[in-house]
Amino acid sequence: MRHGKKVNHLGRKAAHRKAMLANMACSLIEHKRINTTVAKAKALKQFVEPLITKSKAENNLTTEKGTHNRRVVFKSLRDKYAVTELFSVVSEKVGDRPGGYTRIIKLGNRLGDNADMAMIELVDFNELYNADKPKKKTTRRSRRGGSGSKTQTPPVAVAQPATEAQSDTESKADDSEE
């Protein structure tokens, strides 16, 4: 039974687990994606997402609160270069995202010990997934209950693009008129 078991101990004592998660979080912030086991990736996700939220909140708050957030994050990460990267580059990218800053992609089993492997990455830094998707527009709904206005506008005819032969004859006709 798992009564009250909220944290995965990952087979380590508390100090070793905290140091490992801090090192993995620094690597994730620096490289934007890392390969690890599925269990460690899930534990890292729980560890790093609140830190990213704290870094994002600095841009909207006063300097005293921003300094406090930097100190709280530094207490967890213990690497000033990772904290600087997190509060400058990463927080600007995730500024409008309300949560879910990381993505876990399962990769299969490791050859040596057959452990489940996964890649954990920062969502906004993956250009392959974000290239074809446009920014989401926020939907606005009217306060009135109804399905909108009853009048509909007729469809507008769309102009067809000219082919090369048509555009050549048109340009010759324009030259002869001048």
N, C-alpha and C. Protein backbone atom coordinates (compact mmCIF):
# COMPACT_ATOMS: atom_id res chain seq x y z
N MET A 1 0.84 -1.19 0.00
CA MET A 1 0.00 0.00 0.00
C MET A 1 0.88 1.24 0.00
N ARG A 2 0.37 2.31 -0.59
CA ARG A 2 1.17 3.53 -0.70
C ARG A 2 0.57 4.66 0.13
N HIS A 3 0.12 4.36 1.31
CA HIS A 3 -0.48 5.38 2.15
C HIS A 3 0.53 6.48 2.47
N GLY A 4 0.23 7.71 2.07
CA GLY A 4 1.07 8.85 2.41
C GLY A 4 2.39 8.92 1.69
N LYS A 5 2.59 8.08 0.66
CA LYS A 5 3.85 8.11 -0.07
C LYS A 5 3.74 9.15 -1.19
N LYS A 6 4.31 10.32 -0.96
CA LYS A 6 4.17 11.40 -1.93
C LYS A 6 5.41 11.61 -2.77
N VAL A 7 6.55 11.15 -2.32
CA VAL A 7 7.78 11.41 -3.04
C VAL A 7 8.43 10.08 -3.40
N ASN A 8 8.97 10.00 -4.60
CA ASN A 8 9.72 8.82 -5.01
C ASN A 8 11.14 8.96 -4.49
N HIS A 9 11.56 8.05 -3.64
CA HIS A 9 12.87 8.17 -3.01
C HIS A 9 14.01 7.80 -3.94
N LEU A 10 13.69 7.14 -5.05
CA LEU A 10 14.67 6.80 -6.09
C LEU A 10 15.83 5.96 -5.55
N GLY A 11 15.63 5.23 -4.45
CA GLY A 11 16.66 4.37 -3.90
C GLY A 11 17.83 5.12 -3.31
N ARG A 12 17.61 6.34 -2.84
CA ARG A 12 18.69 7.17 -2.32
C ARG A 12 18.28 7.82 -1.01
N LYS A 13 19.26 8.21 -0.22
CA LYS A 13 18.98 8.99 0.98
C LYS A 13 18.60 10.42 0.56
N ALA A 14 18.05 11.18 1.49
CA ALA A 14 17.50 12.50 1.17
C ALA A 14 18.56 13.45 0.61
N ALA A 15 19.74 13.47 1.21
CA ALA A 15 20.77 14.40 0.76
C ALA A 15 21.25 14.05 -0.65
N HIS A 16 21.42 12.75 -0.92
CA HIS A 16 21.85 12.32 -2.25
C HIS A 16 20.77 12.64 -3.28
N ARG A 17 19.51 12.42 -2.92
CA ARG A 17 18.40 12.67 -3.84
C ARG A 17 18.31 14.17 -4.18
N LYS A 18 18.44 15.02 -3.17
CA LYS A 18 18.36 16.47 -3.42
C LYS A 18 19.51 16.94 -4.28
N ALA A 19 20.71 16.43 -4.02
CA ALA A 19 21.86 16.82 -4.83
C ALA A 19 21.71 16.34 -6.27
N MET A 20 21.20 15.12 -6.45
CA MET A 20 21.02 14.59 -7.80
C MET A 20 19.97 15.39 -8.57
N LEU A 21 18.87 15.73 -7.92
CA LEU A 21 17.83 16.50 -8.59
C LEU A 21 18.30 17.92 -8.92
N ALA A 22 19.11 18.51 -8.02
CA ALA A 22 19.65 19.83 -8.29
C ALA A 22 20.58 19.79 -9.49
N ASN A 23 21.44 18.78 -9.57
CA ASN A 23 22.36 18.65 -10.71
C ASN A 23 21.60 18.40 -12.00
N MET A 24 20.58 17.56 -11.94
CA MET A 24 19.79 17.29 -13.15
C MET A 24 19.03 18.53 -13.59
N ALA A 25 18.51 19.31 -12.64
CA ALA A 25 17.79 20.54 -12.98
C ALA A 25 18.74 21.55 -13.62
N CYS A 26 19.96 21.66 -13.11
CA CYS A 26 20.93 22.58 -13.72
C CYS A 26 21.27 22.14 -15.14
N SER A 27 21.41 20.84 -15.34
CA SER A 27 21.68 20.34 -16.70
C SER A 27 20.51 20.60 -17.62
N LEU A 28 19.29 20.42 -17.12
CA LEU A 28 18.10 20.67 -17.93
C LEU A 28 18.01 22.14 -18.32
N ILE A 29 18.30 23.03 -17.40
CA ILE A 29 18.23 24.47 -17.69
C ILE A 29 19.33 24.85 -18.68
N GLU A 30 20.50 24.26 -18.53
CA GLU A 30 21.62 24.61 -19.41
C GLU A 30 21.43 24.05 -20.82
N HIS A 31 21.06 22.77 -20.93
CA HIS A 31 21.00 22.11 -22.24
C HIS A 31 19.60 22.07 -22.83
N LYS A 32 18.57 22.42 -22.07
CA LYS A 32 17.16 22.46 -22.49
C LYS A 32 16.54 21.09 -22.66
N ARG A 33 17.32 20.02 -22.66
CA ARG A 33 16.79 18.65 -22.67
C ARG A 33 17.86 17.69 -22.21
N ILE A 34 17.44 16.64 -21.48
CA ILE A 34 18.38 15.63 -21.02
C ILE A 34 17.71 14.26 -21.12
N ASN A 35 18.53 13.22 -21.23
CA ASN A 35 18.05 11.84 -21.23
C ASN A 35 18.31 11.25 -19.86
N THR A 36 17.30 10.56 -19.32
CA THR A 36 17.40 9.94 -18.01
C THR A 36 16.35 8.83 -17.92
N THR A 37 16.22 8.21 -16.77
CA THR A 37 15.19 7.19 -16.62
C THR A 37 13.83 7.87 -16.41
N VAL A 38 12.77 7.11 -16.62
CA VAL A 38 11.42 7.67 -16.50
C VAL A 38 11.15 8.11 -15.07
N ALA A 39 11.56 7.33 -14.08
CA ALA A 39 11.32 7.67 -12.67
C ALA A 39 12.04 8.96 -12.29
N LYS A 40 13.30 9.10 -12.73
CA LYS A 40 14.03 10.33 -12.43
C LYS A 40 13.44 11.51 -13.17
N ALA A 41 12.95 11.30 -14.39
CA ALA A 41 12.35 12.40 -15.15
C ALA A 41 11.08 12.89 -14.46
N LYS A 42 10.27 11.98 -13.94
CA LYS A 42 9.05 12.39 -13.24
C LYS A 42 9.38 13.14 -11.95
N ALA A 43 10.40 12.67 -11.23
CA ALA A 43 10.82 13.36 -10.01
C ALA A 43 11.40 14.74 -10.34
N LEU A 44 12.15 14.82 -11.44
CA LEU A 44 12.73 16.10 -11.85
C LEU A 44 11.66 17.08 -12.27
N LYS A 45 10.61 16.60 -12.91
CA LYS A 45 9.52 17.48 -13.33
C LYS A 45 8.88 18.14 -12.12
N GLN A 46 8.65 17.36 -11.06
CA GLN A 46 8.07 17.92 -9.84
C GLN A 46 9.04 18.89 -9.16
N PHE A 47 10.32 18.67 -9.33
CA PHE A 47 11.34 19.51 -8.70
C PHE A 47 11.52 20.84 -9.43
N VAL A 48 11.53 20.82 -10.77
CA VAL A 48 11.95 21.99 -11.53
C VAL A 48 10.78 22.92 -11.90
N GLU A 49 9.58 22.41 -12.02
CA GLU A 49 8.48 23.28 -12.46
C GLU A 49 8.16 24.40 -11.46
N PRO A 50 8.14 24.16 -10.14
CA PRO A 50 7.94 25.29 -9.23
C PRO A 50 9.06 26.33 -9.32
N LEU A 51 10.29 25.87 -9.61
CA LEU A 51 11.40 26.82 -9.74
C LEU A 51 11.21 27.71 -10.97
N ILE A 52 10.72 27.13 -12.05
CA ILE A 52 10.46 27.92 -13.26
C ILE A 52 9.35 28.92 -13.01
N THR A 53 8.34 28.51 -12.25
CA THR A 53 7.26 29.43 -11.90
C THR A 53 7.78 30.60 -11.09
N LYS A 54 8.69 30.33 -10.16
CA LYS A 54 9.28 31.42 -9.36
C LYS A 54 10.10 32.36 -10.23
N SER A 55 10.80 31.83 -11.21
CA SER A 55 11.60 32.69 -12.08
C SER A 55 10.70 33.53 -12.97
N LYS A 56 9.58 32.98 -13.37
CA LYS A 56 8.66 33.71 -14.23
C LYS A 56 7.99 34.85 -13.46
N ALA A 57 7.76 34.65 -12.17
CA ALA A 57 7.07 35.65 -11.37
C ALA A 57 7.94 36.88 -11.13
N GLU A 58 9.27 36.77 -11.32
CA GLU A 58 10.14 37.91 -11.06
C GLU A 58 9.83 39.07 -12.00
N ASN A 59 9.48 38.77 -13.24
CA ASN A 59 9.26 39.82 -14.22
C ASN A 59 8.05 40.68 -13.88
N ASN A 60 7.10 40.13 -13.12
CA ASN A 60 5.86 40.85 -12.83
C ASN A 60 5.86 41.50 -11.46
N LEU A 61 6.89 41.27 -10.66
CA LEU A 61 6.86 41.75 -9.28
C LEU A 61 7.96 42.79 -9.03
N THR A 62 7.95 43.31 -7.82
CA THR A 62 8.94 44.31 -7.45
C THR A 62 10.31 43.66 -7.27
N THR A 63 11.33 44.48 -7.12
CA THR A 63 12.69 43.96 -7.04
C THR A 63 12.94 43.18 -5.75
N GLU A 64 12.28 43.57 -4.64
CA GLU A 64 12.50 42.82 -3.40
C GLU A 64 12.00 41.39 -3.55
N LYS A 65 10.82 41.24 -4.16
CA LYS A 65 10.27 39.90 -4.35
C LYS A 65 11.11 39.12 -5.36
N GLY A 66 11.63 39.79 -6.37
CA GLY A 66 12.47 39.12 -7.35
C GLY A 66 13.76 38.61 -6.73
N THR A 67 14.36 39.41 -5.86
CA THR A 67 15.58 38.98 -5.17
C THR A 67 15.29 37.79 -4.27
N HIS A 68 14.15 37.83 -3.60
CA HIS A 68 13.78 36.71 -2.73
C HIS A 68 13.60 35.43 -3.55
N ASN A 69 12.93 35.55 -4.71
CA ASN A 69 12.73 34.38 -5.56
C ASN A 69 14.06 33.82 -6.06
N ARG A 70 15.00 34.70 -6.40
CA ARG A 70 16.32 34.23 -6.83
C ARG A 70 17.02 33.47 -5.71
N ARG A 71 16.90 33.94 -4.49
CA ARG A 71 17.55 33.27 -3.37
C ARG A 71 16.90 31.92 -3.07
N VAL A 72 15.58 31.86 -3.20
CA VAL A 72 14.88 30.59 -2.98
C VAL A 72 15.29 29.58 -4.04
N VAL A 73 15.37 30.02 -5.29
CA VAL A 73 15.76 29.12 -6.38
C VAL A 73 17.22 28.70 -6.23
N PHE A 74 18.08 29.63 -5.82
CA PHE A 74 19.50 29.31 -5.63
C PHE A 74 19.68 28.29 -4.52
N LYS A 75 18.83 28.36 -3.50
CA LYS A 75 18.89 27.39 -2.41
C LYS A 75 18.64 25.97 -2.93
N SER A 76 17.76 25.85 -3.93
CA SER A 76 17.48 24.53 -4.49
C SER A 76 18.51 24.10 -5.53
N LEU A 77 18.91 25.02 -6.41
CA LEU A 77 19.79 24.65 -7.52
C LEU A 77 21.26 24.64 -7.16
N ARG A 78 21.72 25.59 -6.34
CA ARG A 78 23.12 25.70 -5.91
C ARG A 78 24.09 25.88 -7.07
N ASP A 79 23.65 26.63 -8.10
CA ASP A 79 24.53 26.93 -9.23
C ASP A 79 24.13 28.30 -9.77
N LYS A 80 24.99 29.29 -9.60
CA LYS A 80 24.61 30.65 -9.95
C LYS A 80 24.45 30.84 -11.45
N TYR A 81 25.16 30.06 -12.26
CA TYR A 81 25.02 30.17 -13.71
C TYR A 81 23.67 29.63 -14.18
N ALA A 82 23.23 28.55 -13.55
CA ALA A 82 21.91 28.00 -13.89
C ALA A 82 20.81 28.95 -13.45
N VAL A 83 20.98 29.60 -12.30
CA VAL A 83 19.97 30.56 -11.82
C VAL A 83 19.90 31.75 -12.76
N THR A 84 21.05 32.23 -13.22
CA THR A 84 21.07 33.35 -14.16
C THR A 84 20.38 32.98 -15.46
N GLU A 85 20.69 31.80 -15.97
CA GLU A 85 20.06 31.33 -17.22
C GLU A 85 18.55 31.18 -17.03
N LEU A 86 18.14 30.65 -15.89
CA LEU A 86 16.73 30.43 -15.61
C LEU A 86 15.97 31.75 -15.54
N PHE A 87 16.54 32.74 -14.86
CA PHE A 87 15.82 34.00 -14.67
C PHE A 87 15.91 34.91 -15.89
N SER A 88 16.85 34.66 -16.80
CA SER A 88 16.93 35.53 -17.97
C SER A 88 16.31 34.88 -19.20
N VAL A 89 16.88 33.80 -19.69
CA VAL A 89 16.45 33.20 -20.95
C VAL A 89 15.16 32.40 -20.80
N VAL A 90 15.14 31.50 -19.82
CA VAL A 90 14.00 30.59 -19.69
C VAL A 90 12.74 31.34 -19.27
N SER A 91 12.86 32.27 -18.34
CA SER A 91 11.66 32.97 -17.86
C SER A 91 11.04 33.84 -18.95
N GLU A 92 11.86 34.36 -19.88
CA GLU A 92 11.29 35.14 -20.98
C GLU A 92 10.52 34.25 -21.94
N LYS A 93 11.02 33.04 -22.20
CA LYS A 93 10.35 32.12 -23.12
C LYS A 93 9.02 31.63 -22.58
N VAL A 94 8.96 31.34 -21.27
CA VAL A 94 7.76 30.76 -20.69
C VAL A 94 6.87 31.80 -20.03
N GLY A 95 7.07 33.06 -20.36
CA GLY A 95 6.36 34.13 -19.69
C GLY A 95 4.85 34.05 -19.78
N ASP A 96 4.31 33.61 -20.91
CA ASP A 96 2.85 33.57 -21.07
C ASP A 96 2.27 32.18 -20.84
N ARG A 97 3.09 31.20 -20.56
CA ARG A 97 2.60 29.83 -20.34
C ARG A 97 2.14 29.68 -18.89
N PRO A 98 0.93 29.18 -18.65
CA PRO A 98 0.42 29.10 -17.27
C PRO A 98 0.95 27.91 -16.48
N GLY A 99 1.68 27.03 -17.07
CA GLY A 99 2.23 25.86 -16.37
C GLY A 99 2.62 24.81 -17.39
N GLY A 100 3.10 23.68 -16.94
CA GLY A 100 3.49 22.61 -17.85
C GLY A 100 4.69 23.00 -18.69
N TYR A 101 5.78 23.34 -18.03
CA TYR A 101 6.97 23.84 -18.73
C TYR A 101 7.84 22.73 -19.29
N THR A 102 7.64 21.50 -18.83
CA THR A 102 8.49 20.40 -19.27
C THR A 102 7.65 19.32 -19.94
N ARG A 103 8.31 18.53 -20.76
CA ARG A 103 7.66 17.44 -21.48
C ARG A 103 8.53 16.20 -21.32
N ILE A 104 7.91 15.06 -21.04
CA ILE A 104 8.63 13.79 -20.91
C ILE A 104 8.26 12.92 -22.11
N ILE A 105 9.28 12.50 -22.86
CA ILE A 105 9.08 11.63 -24.02
C ILE A 105 9.80 10.32 -23.73
N LYS A 106 9.06 9.23 -23.75
CA LYS A 106 9.65 7.92 -23.46
C LYS A 106 10.43 7.43 -24.66
N LEU A 107 11.61 6.89 -24.41
CA LEU A 107 12.53 6.50 -25.49
C LEU A 107 12.68 5.00 -25.66
N GLY A 108 12.23 4.20 -24.73
CA GLY A 108 12.44 2.76 -24.81
C GLY A 108 13.29 2.29 -23.65
N ASN A 109 13.89 1.12 -23.79
CA ASN A 109 14.68 0.55 -22.70
C ASN A 109 16.17 0.69 -22.96
N ARG A 110 16.92 0.88 -21.88
CA ARG A 110 18.38 0.98 -21.97
C ARG A 110 18.96 -0.41 -22.22
N LEU A 111 20.01 -0.48 -23.01
CA LEU A 111 20.58 -1.77 -23.38
C LEU A 111 21.19 -2.51 -22.20
N GLY A 112 21.89 -1.83 -21.33
CA GLY A 112 22.63 -2.51 -20.27
C GLY A 112 21.75 -3.17 -19.23
N ASP A 113 20.77 -2.44 -18.67
CA ASP A 113 19.97 -2.98 -17.58
C ASP A 113 18.48 -2.97 -17.86
N ASN A 114 18.08 -2.64 -19.10
CA ASN A 114 16.68 -2.67 -19.52
C ASN A 114 15.82 -1.66 -18.75
N ALA A 115 16.42 -0.56 -18.29
CA ALA A 115 15.66 0.47 -17.58
C ALA A 115 14.87 1.31 -18.59
N ASP A 116 13.67 1.75 -18.19
CA ASP A 116 12.86 2.62 -19.04
C ASP A 116 13.53 3.98 -19.14
N MET A 117 13.84 4.41 -20.34
CA MET A 117 14.51 5.68 -20.55
C MET A 117 13.52 6.71 -21.08
N ALA A 118 13.82 7.97 -20.79
CA ALA A 118 12.97 9.06 -21.24
C ALA A 118 13.82 10.29 -21.49
N MET A 119 13.30 11.19 -22.33
CA MET A 119 13.93 12.48 -22.55
C MET A 119 13.00 13.51 -21.92
N ILE A 120 13.54 14.35 -21.07
CA ILE A 120 12.76 15.45 -20.50
C ILE A 120 13.31 16.72 -21.09
N GLU A 121 12.40 17.60 -21.54
CA GLU A 121 12.83 18.83 -22.21
C GLU A 121 11.93 19.98 -21.81
N LEU A 122 12.46 21.17 -21.97
CA LEU A 122 11.65 22.37 -21.77
C LEU A 122 10.80 22.58 -23.02
N VAL A 123 9.51 22.73 -22.83
CA VAL A 123 8.55 22.72 -23.94
C VAL A 123 8.81 23.85 -24.93
N ASP A 124 9.05 25.04 -24.47
CA ASP A 124 9.16 26.20 -25.36
C ASP A 124 10.46 26.23 -26.16
N PHE A 125 11.41 25.36 -25.85
CA PHE A 125 12.67 25.38 -26.55
C PHE A 125 12.76 24.32 -27.64
N ASN A 126 11.71 23.55 -27.84
CA ASN A 126 11.70 22.56 -28.91
C ASN A 126 11.14 23.21 -30.16
N GLU A 127 11.99 23.50 -31.12
CA GLU A 127 11.57 24.20 -32.34
C GLU A 127 10.81 23.29 -33.29
N LEU A 128 11.02 21.97 -33.21
CA LEU A 128 10.32 21.05 -34.11
C LEU A 128 8.84 21.00 -33.81
N TYR A 129 8.47 20.93 -32.54
CA TYR A 129 7.06 20.86 -32.18
C TYR A 129 6.37 22.21 -32.31
N ASN A 130 7.09 23.30 -32.06
CA ASN A 130 6.47 24.62 -32.04
C ASN A 130 6.48 25.31 -33.39
N ALA A 131 7.15 24.76 -34.40
CA ALA A 131 7.30 25.46 -35.67
C ALA A 131 5.98 25.53 -36.45
N ASP A 132 5.24 24.43 -36.52
CA ASP A 132 4.03 24.43 -37.35
C ASP A 132 2.80 24.88 -36.60
N LYS A 133 2.87 25.00 -35.28
CA LYS A 133 1.69 25.40 -34.51
C LYS A 133 1.72 26.90 -34.28
N PRO A 134 0.68 27.62 -34.73
CA PRO A 134 0.63 29.05 -34.45
C PRO A 134 0.26 29.30 -32.99
N LYS A 135 0.46 30.54 -32.56
CA LYS A 135 0.10 30.90 -31.20
C LYS A 135 -1.41 30.76 -31.04
N LYS A 136 -1.84 30.26 -29.89
CA LYS A 136 -3.27 30.12 -29.64
C LYS A 136 -3.87 31.49 -29.36
N LYS A 137 -5.03 31.71 -29.98
CA LYS A 137 -5.75 32.93 -29.67
C LYS A 137 -6.68 32.63 -28.50
N THR A 138 -6.86 33.61 -27.64
CA THR A 138 -7.81 33.41 -26.56
C THR A 138 -9.21 33.58 -27.13
N THR A 139 -10.09 32.68 -26.77
CA THR A 139 -11.46 32.77 -27.28
C THR A 139 -12.26 33.66 -26.36
N ARG A 140 -13.07 34.49 -26.96
CA ARG A 140 -13.93 35.38 -26.19
C ARG A 140 -15.36 35.01 -26.49
N ARG A 141 -16.14 34.91 -25.46
CA ARG A 141 -17.54 34.57 -25.63
C ARG A 141 -18.38 35.72 -25.09
N SER A 142 -19.51 35.92 -25.72
CA SER A 142 -20.38 37.00 -25.27
C SER A 142 -21.11 36.57 -24.02
N ARG A 143 -21.59 37.53 -23.28
CA ARG A 143 -22.28 37.23 -22.04
C ARG A 143 -23.69 36.72 -22.30
N ARG A 144 -24.23 37.09 -23.43
CA ARG A 144 -25.58 36.63 -23.73
C ARG A 144 -25.57 35.16 -24.05
N GLY A 145 -26.61 34.49 -23.75
CA GLY A 145 -26.74 33.07 -23.96
C GLY A 145 -27.03 32.67 -25.37
N GLY A 146 -27.23 32.61 -26.29
CA GLY A 146 -27.59 32.41 -27.66
C GLY A 146 -26.41 31.91 -28.45
N SER A 147 -26.71 31.53 -29.64
CA SER A 147 -25.65 30.98 -30.50
C SER A 147 -25.05 32.05 -31.38
N GLY A 148 -25.20 33.28 -31.01
CA GLY A 148 -24.62 34.36 -31.82
C GLY A 148 -25.69 35.02 -32.65
N SER A 149 -25.30 35.82 -33.60
CA SER A 149 -26.27 36.53 -34.43
C SER A 149 -26.88 35.58 -35.44
N LYS A 150 -28.16 35.85 -35.78
CA LYS A 150 -28.88 34.98 -36.71
C LYS A 150 -28.56 35.32 -38.16
N THR A 151 -28.12 36.55 -38.42
CA THR A 151 -27.83 36.93 -39.80
C THR A 151 -26.47 36.39 -40.20
N GLN A 152 -26.42 35.88 -41.40
CA GLN A 152 -25.15 35.37 -41.89
C GLN A 152 -24.77 36.12 -43.15
N THR A 153 -23.51 36.36 -43.32
CA THR A 153 -23.05 37.04 -44.53
C THR A 153 -22.83 36.01 -45.61
N PRO A 154 -23.13 36.35 -46.88
CA PRO A 154 -22.91 35.39 -47.95
C PRO A 154 -21.40 35.18 -48.15
N PRO A 155 -21.01 33.99 -48.62
CA PRO A 155 -19.58 33.74 -48.81
C PRO A 155 -19.01 34.63 -49.90
N VAL A 156 -17.80 35.06 -49.70
CA VAL A 156 -17.11 35.95 -50.64
C VAL A 156 -16.29 35.10 -51.59
N ALA A 157 -16.37 35.42 -52.88
CA ALA A 157 -15.59 34.68 -53.88
C ALA A 157 -14.12 35.04 -53.73
N VAL A 158 -13.28 34.03 -53.77
CA VAL A 158 -11.84 34.22 -53.62
C VAL A 158 -11.22 34.29 -55.00
N ALA A 159 -10.39 35.29 -55.22
CA ALA A 159 -9.74 35.45 -56.52
C ALA A 159 -8.72 34.34 -56.72
N GLN A 160 -8.74 33.75 -57.91
CA GLN A 160 -7.81 32.67 -58.24
C GLN A 160 -6.47 33.27 -58.65
N PRO A 161 -5.36 32.68 -58.23
CA PRO A 161 -4.06 33.20 -58.65
C PRO A 161 -3.85 32.99 -60.15
N ALA A 162 -3.24 33.95 -60.78
CA ALA A 162 -3.01 33.88 -62.22
C ALA A 162 -1.89 32.90 -62.53
N THR A 163 -2.05 32.17 -63.63
CA THR A 163 -0.99 31.26 -64.05
C THR A 163 0.07 32.05 -64.79
N GLU A 164 1.17 31.40 -65.09
CA GLU A 164 2.28 32.11 -65.75
C GLU A 164 1.88 32.57 -67.15
N ALA A 165 1.11 31.75 -67.89
CA ALA A 165 0.72 32.12 -69.26
C ALA A 165 -0.20 33.34 -69.23
N GLN A 166 -1.15 33.36 -68.28
CA GLN A 166 -2.06 34.49 -68.19
C GLN A 166 -1.31 35.76 -67.80
N SER A 167 -0.37 35.65 -66.86
CA SER A 167 0.34 36.84 -66.41
C SER A 167 1.25 37.37 -67.53
N ASP A 168 1.81 36.49 -68.39
CA ASP A 168 2.65 36.95 -69.50
C ASP A 168 1.81 37.71 -70.53
N THR A 169 0.63 37.19 -70.86
CA THR A 169 -0.22 37.87 -71.86
C THR A 169 -0.73 39.18 -71.31
N GLU A 170 -1.05 39.23 -70.02
CA GLU A 170 -1.53 40.47 -69.43
C GLU A 170 -0.42 41.53 -69.42
N SER A 171 0.80 41.13 -69.12
CA SER A 171 1.90 42.11 -69.08
C SER A 171 2.21 42.61 -70.49
N LYS A 172 2.08 41.74 -71.54
CA LYS A 172 2.30 42.18 -72.90
C LYS A 172 1.21 43.15 -73.33
N ALA A 173 -0.03 42.89 -72.90
CA ALA A 173 -1.13 43.77 -73.25
C ALA A 173 -0.94 45.14 -72.57
N ASP A 174 -0.44 45.14 -71.35
CA ASP A 174 -0.19 46.40 -70.67
C ASP A 174 0.92 47.18 -71.36
N ASP A 175 1.94 46.50 -71.88
CA ASP A 175 3.05 47.16 -72.57
C ASP A 175 2.57 47.77 -73.87
N SER A 176 1.67 47.09 -74.58
CA SER A 176 1.21 47.61 -75.88
C SER A 176 0.30 48.80 -75.71
N GLU A 177 -0.44 48.91 -74.60
CA GLU A 177 -1.33 50.05 -74.36
C GLU A 177 -0.52 51.31 -74.08
N GLU A 178 0.62 51.20 -73.52
CA GLU A 178 1.43 52.35 -73.15
C GLU A 178 2.09 52.88 -74.32
